[in-house]
Amino acid sequence: MLPFSDEELIEPAKASLEKNLPMLEQDGGGYEFLGIKKGVVYIHLIGACKGCAASGTTLKYGLERQLKVDIHPDISLVNLNGGYDEFSRL
């Protein structure tokens, strides 16, 4: 259980994710920040990252790892292929 509300996590999560954005953009990819629900950060991979075989590794050992270091070890990250539409149904 995270000691923060979802609203309190939005700006720190965005700032943490942005640290890895240059790496994604260098390979022609990126992400859209969708939001946070129950301490889970949701993004949508775009560009070359969408469907990339290494995207799972990028999520867990790049983006999520940075969130855990910067914010809290229990935070998690999920990529929603359906973007905002899928996020709104959660």
C-alpha atoms as a PDB file:
ATOM      1  CA  MET A   1       0.000   0.000   0.000  1.00  0.00           C
ATOM      2  CA  LEU A   2       1.392   3.355  -1.015  1.00  0.00           C
ATOM      3  CA  PRO A   3       1.318   6.180   1.541  1.00  0.00           C
ATOM      4  CA  PHE A   4       0.154   8.661  -1.125  1.00  0.00           C
ATOM      5  CA  SER A   5      -3.137   9.411  -2.848  1.00  0.00           C
ATOM      6  CA  ASP A   6      -3.370   8.982  -6.604  1.00  0.00           C
ATOM      7  CA  GLU A   7      -3.607  12.761  -6.962  1.00  0.00           C
ATOM      8  CA  GLU A   8      -0.417  13.274  -4.932  1.00  0.00           C
ATOM      9  CA  LEU A   9       1.437  10.848  -7.212  1.00  0.00           C
ATOM     10  CA  ILE A  10       0.603  12.475 -10.556  1.00  0.00           C
ATOM     11  CA  GLU A  11       3.313  15.152 -10.722  1.00  0.00           C
ATOM     12  CA  PRO A  12       6.106  13.041  -9.158  1.00  0.00           C
ATOM     13  CA  ALA A  13       5.254  10.150 -11.495  1.00  0.00           C
ATOM     14  CA  LYS A  14       5.300  12.406 -14.558  1.00  0.00           C
ATOM     15  CA  ALA A  15       8.660  13.867 -13.504  1.00  0.00           C
ATOM     16  CA  SER A  16      10.121  10.403 -12.916  1.00  0.00           C
ATOM     17  CA  LEU A  17       8.906   9.054 -16.267  1.00  0.00           C
ATOM     18  CA  GLU A  18      10.311  12.068 -18.106  1.00  0.00           C
ATOM     19  CA  LYS A  19      13.828  11.051 -17.035  1.00  0.00           C
ATOM     20  CA  ASN A  20      13.658   8.131 -19.477  1.00  0.00           C
ATOM     21  CA  LEU A  21      11.812   9.930 -22.272  1.00  0.00           C
ATOM     22  CA  PRO A  22      15.003  10.915 -24.173  1.00  0.00           C
ATOM     23  CA  MET A  23      15.984   7.228 -24.349  1.00  0.00           C
ATOM     24  CA  LEU A  24      12.596   6.333 -25.840  1.00  0.00           C
ATOM     25  CA  GLU A  25      12.604   9.267 -28.257  1.00  0.00           C
ATOM     26  CA  GLN A  26      16.097   8.392 -29.455  1.00  0.00           C
ATOM     27  CA  ASP A  27      14.675   5.120 -30.777  1.00  0.00           C
ATOM     28  CA  GLY A  28      11.611   6.797 -32.293  1.00  0.00           C
ATOM     29  CA  GLY A  29       9.230   5.994 -29.462  1.00  0.00           C
ATOM     30  CA  GLY A  30       7.545   7.588 -26.519  1.00  0.00           C
ATOM     31  CA  TYR A  31       4.552   7.302 -24.224  1.00  0.00           C
ATOM     32  CA  GLU A  32       1.351   9.046 -23.249  1.00  0.00           C
ATOM     33  CA  PHE A  33       0.724   9.440 -19.525  1.00  0.00           C
ATOM     34  CA  LEU A  34      -2.827   8.196 -18.913  1.00  0.00           C
ATOM     35  CA  GLY A  35      -3.174   8.565 -15.159  1.00  0.00           C
ATOM     36  CA  ILE A  36      -2.953   6.764 -11.842  1.00  0.00           C
ATOM     37  CA  LYS A  37      -5.522   4.507 -10.217  1.00  0.00           C
ATOM     38  CA  LYS A  38      -5.003   2.779  -6.860  1.00  0.00           C
ATOM     39  CA  GLY A  39      -1.262   3.473  -6.948  1.00  0.00           C
ATOM     40  CA  VAL A  40      -0.743   2.021 -10.416  1.00  0.00           C
ATOM     41  CA  VAL A  41       0.688   4.332 -13.069  1.00  0.00           C
ATOM     42  CA  TYR A  42      -0.820   3.807 -16.529  1.00  0.00           C
ATOM     43  CA  ILE A  43       0.847   4.812 -19.776  1.00  0.00           C
ATOM     44  CA  HIS A  44       0.365   4.087 -23.466  1.00  0.00           C
ATOM     45  CA  LEU A  45       3.506   3.347 -25.452  1.00  0.00           C
ATOM     46  CA  ILE A  46       3.574   5.121 -28.815  1.00  0.00           C
ATOM     47  CA  GLY A  47       5.746   5.320 -31.903  1.00  0.00           C
ATOM     48  CA  ALA A  48       8.450   2.698 -32.265  1.00  0.00           C
ATOM     49  CA  CYS A  49       7.841   1.547 -28.673  1.00  0.00           C
ATOM     50  CA  LYS A  50       4.343   0.354 -29.553  1.00  0.00           C
ATOM     51  CA  GLY A  51       4.644  -3.332 -30.332  1.00  0.00           C
ATOM     52  CA  CYS A  52       8.425  -3.410 -29.877  1.00  0.00           C
ATOM     53  CA  ALA A  53       9.754  -6.763 -28.666  1.00  0.00           C
ATOM     54  CA  ALA A  54      11.799  -4.984 -25.992  1.00  0.00           C
ATOM     55  CA  SER A  55       8.906  -2.879 -24.677  1.00  0.00           C
ATOM     56  CA  GLY A  56       8.302  -5.186 -21.695  1.00  0.00           C
ATOM     57  CA  THR A  57      11.920  -4.831 -20.646  1.00  0.00           C
ATOM     58  CA  THR A  58      11.766  -1.067 -21.135  1.00  0.00           C
ATOM     59  CA  LEU A  59       8.665  -0.886 -18.941  1.00  0.00           C
ATOM     60  CA  LYS A  60       9.958  -3.003 -16.059  1.00  0.00           C
ATOM     61  CA  TYR A  61      13.680  -2.221 -15.991  1.00  0.00           C
ATOM     62  CA  GLY A  62      13.572   1.333 -17.277  1.00  0.00           C
ATOM     63  CA  LEU A  63      10.390   3.230 -16.522  1.00  0.00           C
ATOM     64  CA  GLU A  64       8.998   1.246 -13.570  1.00  0.00           C
ATOM     65  CA  ARG A  65      12.413   0.901 -11.949  1.00  0.00           C
ATOM     66  CA  GLN A  66      12.832   4.684 -12.074  1.00  0.00           C
ATOM     67  CA  LEU A  67       9.404   5.152 -10.455  1.00  0.00           C
ATOM     68  CA  LYS A  68      10.378   2.757  -7.665  1.00  0.00           C
ATOM     69  CA  VAL A  69      13.656   4.589  -7.033  1.00  0.00           C
ATOM     70  CA  ASP A  70      12.125   8.071  -7.171  1.00  0.00           C
ATOM     71  CA  ILE A  71       8.797   7.489  -5.425  1.00  0.00           C
ATOM     72  CA  HIS A  72       8.195   4.185  -3.615  1.00  0.00           C
ATOM     73  CA  PRO A  73       9.210   0.511  -4.042  1.00  0.00           C
ATOM     74  CA  ASP A  74       5.567  -0.634  -4.208  1.00  0.00           C
ATOM     75  CA  ILE A  75       4.547   1.544  -7.162  1.00  0.00           C
ATOM     76  CA  SER A  76       3.873  -0.244 -10.435  1.00  0.00           C
ATOM     77  CA  LEU A  77       3.529   0.670 -14.091  1.00  0.00           C
ATOM     78  CA  VAL A  78       1.181  -0.742 -16.728  1.00  0.00           C
ATOM     79  CA  ASN A  79       1.071  -0.096 -20.472  1.00  0.00           C
ATOM     80  CA  LEU A  80      -2.460   0.037 -21.878  1.00  0.00           C
ATOM     81  CA  ASN A  81      -2.490  -0.629 -25.604  1.00  0.00           C
ATOM     82  CA  GLY A  82      -5.986   0.863 -25.804  1.00  0.00           C
ATOM     83  CA  GLY A  83      -4.791   4.237 -24.478  1.00  0.00           C
ATOM     84  CA  TYR A  84      -7.276   6.658 -22.897  1.00  0.00           C
ATOM     85  CA  ASP A  85     -10.284   4.566 -23.936  1.00  0.00           C
ATOM     86  CA  GLU A  86      -8.997   1.552 -22.037  1.00  0.00           C
ATOM     87  CA  PHE A  87      -7.929   3.689 -19.051  1.00  0.00           C
ATOM     88  CA  SER A  88     -11.400   5.239 -18.775  1.00  0.00           C
ATOM     89  CA  ARG A  89     -12.944   1.753 -18.416  1.00  0.00           C
ATOM     90  CA  LEU A  90     -10.774   0.791 -15.429  1.00  0.00           C
END
